[in-house]
Amino acid sequence: SDVDALWLQDPFPWFSFNASIVGSRGTFPVSLSSTWGATFCMGFMYFKATDATKSMVAGLVAALHGSASDDQLAFNNILASKLSS
């Protein structure tokens, strides 16, 4: 979670651990939010250590070491490309 978040109780009981990725809802990037109804906000993210999520995180790290400057934009674009393939 973001460094400016303060957890007052354990958040894990709220999650469905059948999901590989859990995140807070966002509206950026707007183009994907308009299509999907929401995007992943990087303010809070949980990744289950699966091969698919490891691949996505590796892609995110590579994008951020490259030309991408925004983690939320990069992650949602990676997710969009995975969903369209």
N, C-alpha and C. Protein backbone atom coordinates (compact mmCIF):
# COMPACT_ATOMS: atom_id res chain seq x y z
N SER A 1 0.85 -1.18 0.00
CA SER A 1 0.00 0.00 0.00
C SER A 1 0.88 1.23 0.00
N ASP A 2 0.29 2.34 -0.33
CA ASP A 2 1.04 3.60 -0.34
C ASP A 2 1.63 3.86 1.05
N VAL A 3 2.74 4.57 1.09
CA VAL A 3 3.39 4.86 2.36
C VAL A 3 2.58 5.81 3.23
N ASP A 4 1.62 6.52 2.64
CA ASP A 4 0.81 7.44 3.43
C ASP A 4 -0.48 6.79 3.94
N ALA A 5 -0.61 5.46 3.76
CA ALA A 5 -1.79 4.74 4.26
C ALA A 5 -1.48 4.19 5.65
N LEU A 6 -2.44 4.26 6.51
CA LEU A 6 -2.31 3.72 7.86
C LEU A 6 -3.41 2.70 8.07
N TRP A 7 -3.02 1.44 8.21
CA TRP A 7 -4.00 0.37 8.41
C TRP A 7 -4.40 0.32 9.88
N LEU A 8 -5.69 0.42 10.15
CA LEU A 8 -6.19 0.38 11.52
C LEU A 8 -6.56 -1.04 11.94
N GLN A 9 -6.71 -1.93 10.97
CA GLN A 9 -6.96 -3.34 11.25
C GLN A 9 -6.44 -4.17 10.08
N ASP A 10 -6.33 -5.45 10.26
CA ASP A 10 -5.84 -6.36 9.24
C ASP A 10 -6.82 -6.37 8.06
N PRO A 11 -6.38 -5.99 6.85
CA PRO A 11 -7.29 -5.94 5.71
C PRO A 11 -7.54 -7.30 5.05
N PHE A 12 -6.72 -8.29 5.33
CA PHE A 12 -6.80 -9.55 4.60
C PHE A 12 -8.12 -10.29 4.72
N PRO A 13 -8.87 -10.22 5.82
CA PRO A 13 -10.16 -10.91 5.85
C PRO A 13 -11.17 -10.39 4.81
N TRP A 14 -10.94 -9.21 4.26
CA TRP A 14 -11.86 -8.64 3.27
C TRP A 14 -11.61 -9.18 1.87
N PHE A 15 -10.51 -9.85 1.66
CA PHE A 15 -10.13 -10.26 0.32
C PHE A 15 -10.62 -11.66 0.00
N SER A 16 -10.93 -11.87 -1.28
CA SER A 16 -11.19 -13.20 -1.79
C SER A 16 -9.85 -13.74 -2.27
N PHE A 17 -9.32 -14.70 -1.59
CA PHE A 17 -8.01 -15.20 -1.98
C PHE A 17 -8.10 -16.22 -3.11
N ASN A 18 -9.29 -16.29 -3.75
CA ASN A 18 -9.38 -17.01 -5.01
C ASN A 18 -8.87 -16.14 -6.14
N ALA A 19 -8.76 -14.84 -5.86
CA ALA A 19 -8.27 -13.89 -6.87
C ALA A 19 -6.75 -13.85 -6.83
N SER A 20 -6.16 -13.67 -8.00
CA SER A 20 -4.70 -13.56 -8.09
C SER A 20 -4.23 -12.14 -7.85
N ILE A 21 -5.10 -11.16 -8.15
CA ILE A 21 -4.75 -9.76 -7.96
C ILE A 21 -5.92 -9.06 -7.29
N VAL A 22 -5.64 -8.32 -6.24
CA VAL A 22 -6.65 -7.50 -5.57
C VAL A 22 -6.07 -6.10 -5.48
N GLY A 23 -6.86 -5.11 -5.83
CA GLY A 23 -6.37 -3.74 -5.77
C GLY A 23 -7.49 -2.76 -5.52
N SER A 24 -7.11 -1.57 -5.14
CA SER A 24 -8.12 -0.53 -4.98
C SER A 24 -8.56 -0.06 -6.36
N ARG A 25 -9.79 0.48 -6.40
CA ARG A 25 -10.37 0.93 -7.67
C ARG A 25 -9.89 2.33 -8.01
N GLY A 26 -9.63 2.53 -9.29
CA GLY A 26 -9.22 3.84 -9.76
C GLY A 26 -9.97 4.23 -11.01
N THR A 27 -9.67 5.40 -11.52
CA THR A 27 -10.27 5.89 -12.76
C THR A 27 -9.21 6.29 -13.78
N PHE A 28 -7.96 6.04 -13.47
CA PHE A 28 -6.85 6.39 -14.36
C PHE A 28 -6.15 5.12 -14.81
N PRO A 29 -5.88 4.95 -16.06
CA PRO A 29 -6.10 5.85 -17.17
C PRO A 29 -7.58 5.89 -17.58
N VAL A 30 -8.01 7.08 -17.96
CA VAL A 30 -9.43 7.33 -18.24
C VAL A 30 -9.94 6.45 -19.38
N SER A 31 -9.12 6.24 -20.40
CA SER A 31 -9.57 5.44 -21.55
C SER A 31 -9.94 4.02 -21.12
N LEU A 32 -9.16 3.41 -20.25
CA LEU A 32 -9.46 2.06 -19.78
C LEU A 32 -10.58 2.08 -18.75
N SER A 33 -10.63 3.10 -17.92
CA SER A 33 -11.71 3.21 -16.95
C SER A 33 -13.06 3.33 -17.65
N SER A 34 -13.09 4.06 -18.75
CA SER A 34 -14.33 4.20 -19.52
C SER A 34 -14.76 2.85 -20.10
N THR A 35 -13.80 2.05 -20.50
CA THR A 35 -14.09 0.74 -21.09
C THR A 35 -14.46 -0.28 -20.02
N TRP A 36 -13.69 -0.33 -18.95
CA TRP A 36 -13.85 -1.36 -17.92
C TRP A 36 -14.80 -0.96 -16.80
N GLY A 37 -15.03 0.33 -16.60
CA GLY A 37 -15.82 0.81 -15.47
C GLY A 37 -14.96 1.19 -14.28
N ALA A 38 -13.71 0.77 -14.26
CA ALA A 38 -12.74 1.10 -13.22
C ALA A 38 -11.39 0.57 -13.66
N THR A 39 -10.35 1.03 -13.02
CA THR A 39 -9.01 0.51 -13.26
C THR A 39 -8.40 0.12 -11.92
N PHE A 40 -7.24 -0.51 -11.99
CA PHE A 40 -6.50 -0.81 -10.76
C PHE A 40 -5.76 0.44 -10.32
N CYS A 41 -5.94 0.82 -9.07
CA CYS A 41 -5.19 1.92 -8.47
C CYS A 41 -4.04 1.30 -7.69
N MET A 42 -2.85 1.80 -7.91
CA MET A 42 -1.68 1.22 -7.27
C MET A 42 -1.51 1.68 -5.82
N GLY A 43 -2.50 2.40 -5.29
CA GLY A 43 -2.46 2.79 -3.87
C GLY A 43 -2.47 1.57 -2.96
N PHE A 44 -3.17 0.53 -3.38
CA PHE A 44 -3.12 -0.75 -2.68
C PHE A 44 -3.21 -1.85 -3.71
N MET A 45 -2.27 -2.77 -3.68
CA MET A 45 -2.28 -3.93 -4.57
C MET A 45 -1.82 -5.16 -3.79
N TYR A 46 -2.47 -6.27 -4.08
CA TYR A 46 -2.06 -7.58 -3.55
C TYR A 46 -1.87 -8.49 -4.75
N PHE A 47 -0.73 -9.14 -4.83
CA PHE A 47 -0.46 -10.10 -5.89
C PHE A 47 -0.22 -11.47 -5.27
N LYS A 48 -1.03 -12.45 -5.66
CA LYS A 48 -0.74 -13.84 -5.29
C LYS A 48 0.42 -14.29 -6.17
N ALA A 49 1.35 -15.00 -5.61
CA ALA A 49 2.56 -15.40 -6.34
C ALA A 49 2.26 -16.55 -7.31
N THR A 50 1.64 -16.21 -8.43
CA THR A 50 1.39 -17.19 -9.50
C THR A 50 2.32 -16.86 -10.66
N ASP A 51 2.46 -17.79 -11.58
CA ASP A 51 3.30 -17.52 -12.75
C ASP A 51 2.78 -16.31 -13.53
N ALA A 52 1.45 -16.21 -13.66
CA ALA A 52 0.87 -15.09 -14.42
C ALA A 52 1.14 -13.74 -13.75
N THR A 53 0.97 -13.67 -12.43
CA THR A 53 1.20 -12.39 -11.75
C THR A 53 2.69 -12.06 -11.70
N LYS A 54 3.53 -13.07 -11.57
CA LYS A 54 4.98 -12.82 -11.60
C LYS A 54 5.38 -12.24 -12.96
N SER A 55 4.77 -12.74 -14.02
CA SER A 55 5.04 -12.22 -15.35
C SER A 55 4.58 -10.78 -15.48
N MET A 56 3.41 -10.47 -14.94
CA MET A 56 2.89 -9.10 -15.00
C MET A 56 3.77 -8.14 -14.20
N VAL A 57 4.18 -8.55 -13.02
CA VAL A 57 5.04 -7.69 -12.19
C VAL A 57 6.40 -7.50 -12.85
N ALA A 58 6.93 -8.55 -13.47
CA ALA A 58 8.20 -8.41 -14.19
C ALA A 58 8.04 -7.42 -15.34
N GLY A 59 6.91 -7.48 -16.04
CA GLY A 59 6.63 -6.52 -17.11
C GLY A 59 6.51 -5.10 -16.57
N LEU A 60 5.88 -4.96 -15.41
CA LEU A 60 5.74 -3.64 -14.78
C LEU A 60 7.11 -3.08 -14.41
N VAL A 61 7.94 -3.90 -13.79
CA VAL A 61 9.28 -3.45 -13.40
C VAL A 61 10.08 -3.05 -14.63
N ALA A 62 10.00 -3.86 -15.69
CA ALA A 62 10.72 -3.54 -16.93
C ALA A 62 10.21 -2.23 -17.52
N ALA A 63 8.89 -2.03 -17.52
CA ALA A 63 8.33 -0.79 -18.05
C ALA A 63 8.80 0.42 -17.25
N LEU A 64 8.84 0.27 -15.92
CA LEU A 64 9.26 1.39 -15.08
C LEU A 64 10.76 1.65 -15.18
N HIS A 65 11.54 0.64 -15.51
CA HIS A 65 12.97 0.85 -15.73
C HIS A 65 13.22 1.39 -17.13
N GLY A 66 12.20 1.29 -17.99
CA GLY A 66 12.29 1.82 -19.35
C GLY A 66 11.74 3.23 -19.40
N SER A 67 10.77 3.41 -20.28
CA SER A 67 10.26 4.76 -20.52
C SER A 67 9.02 5.11 -19.70
N ALA A 68 8.38 4.13 -19.07
CA ALA A 68 7.16 4.41 -18.29
C ALA A 68 7.51 5.19 -17.04
N SER A 69 6.69 6.19 -16.74
CA SER A 69 6.96 7.00 -15.55
C SER A 69 5.85 6.89 -14.51
N ASP A 70 4.76 6.19 -14.83
CA ASP A 70 3.65 6.09 -13.90
C ASP A 70 3.29 4.62 -13.72
N ASP A 71 3.38 4.12 -12.50
CA ASP A 71 3.13 2.69 -12.25
C ASP A 71 1.69 2.28 -12.55
N GLN A 72 0.73 3.15 -12.25
CA GLN A 72 -0.67 2.82 -12.48
C GLN A 72 -0.99 2.74 -13.97
N LEU A 73 -0.49 3.69 -14.73
CA LEU A 73 -0.67 3.68 -16.17
C LEU A 73 -0.02 2.43 -16.77
N ALA A 74 1.21 2.16 -16.37
CA ALA A 74 1.93 1.00 -16.90
C ALA A 74 1.22 -0.30 -16.56
N PHE A 75 0.79 -0.48 -15.30
CA PHE A 75 0.14 -1.72 -14.90
C PHE A 75 -1.16 -1.94 -15.66
N ASN A 76 -2.00 -0.91 -15.75
CA ASN A 76 -3.28 -1.06 -16.44
C ASN A 76 -3.08 -1.31 -17.93
N ASN A 77 -2.07 -0.69 -18.54
CA ASN A 77 -1.78 -0.96 -19.94
C ASN A 77 -1.28 -2.39 -20.15
N ILE A 78 -0.48 -2.89 -19.22
CA ILE A 78 -0.02 -4.28 -19.30
C ILE A 78 -1.21 -5.22 -19.17
N LEU A 79 -2.10 -4.94 -18.23
CA LEU A 79 -3.29 -5.76 -18.05
C LEU A 79 -4.15 -5.74 -19.30
N ALA A 80 -4.33 -4.57 -19.89
CA ALA A 80 -5.11 -4.45 -21.12
C ALA A 80 -4.52 -5.29 -22.25
N SER A 81 -3.20 -5.26 -22.36
CA SER A 81 -2.55 -6.04 -23.43
C SER A 81 -2.68 -7.54 -23.17
N LYS A 82 -2.62 -7.95 -21.90
CA LYS A 82 -2.79 -9.37 -21.57
C LYS A 82 -4.23 -9.82 -21.84
N LEU A 83 -5.20 -8.96 -21.56
CA LEU A 83 -6.60 -9.31 -21.77
C LEU A 83 -6.96 -9.38 -23.25
N SER A 84 -6.26 -8.60 -24.06
CA SER A 84 -6.58 -8.59 -25.49
C SER A 84 -5.86 -9.67 -26.27
N SER A 85 -4.89 -10.32 -25.64
CA SER A 85 -4.14 -11.37 -26.37
C SER A 85 -4.68 -12.75 -26.10
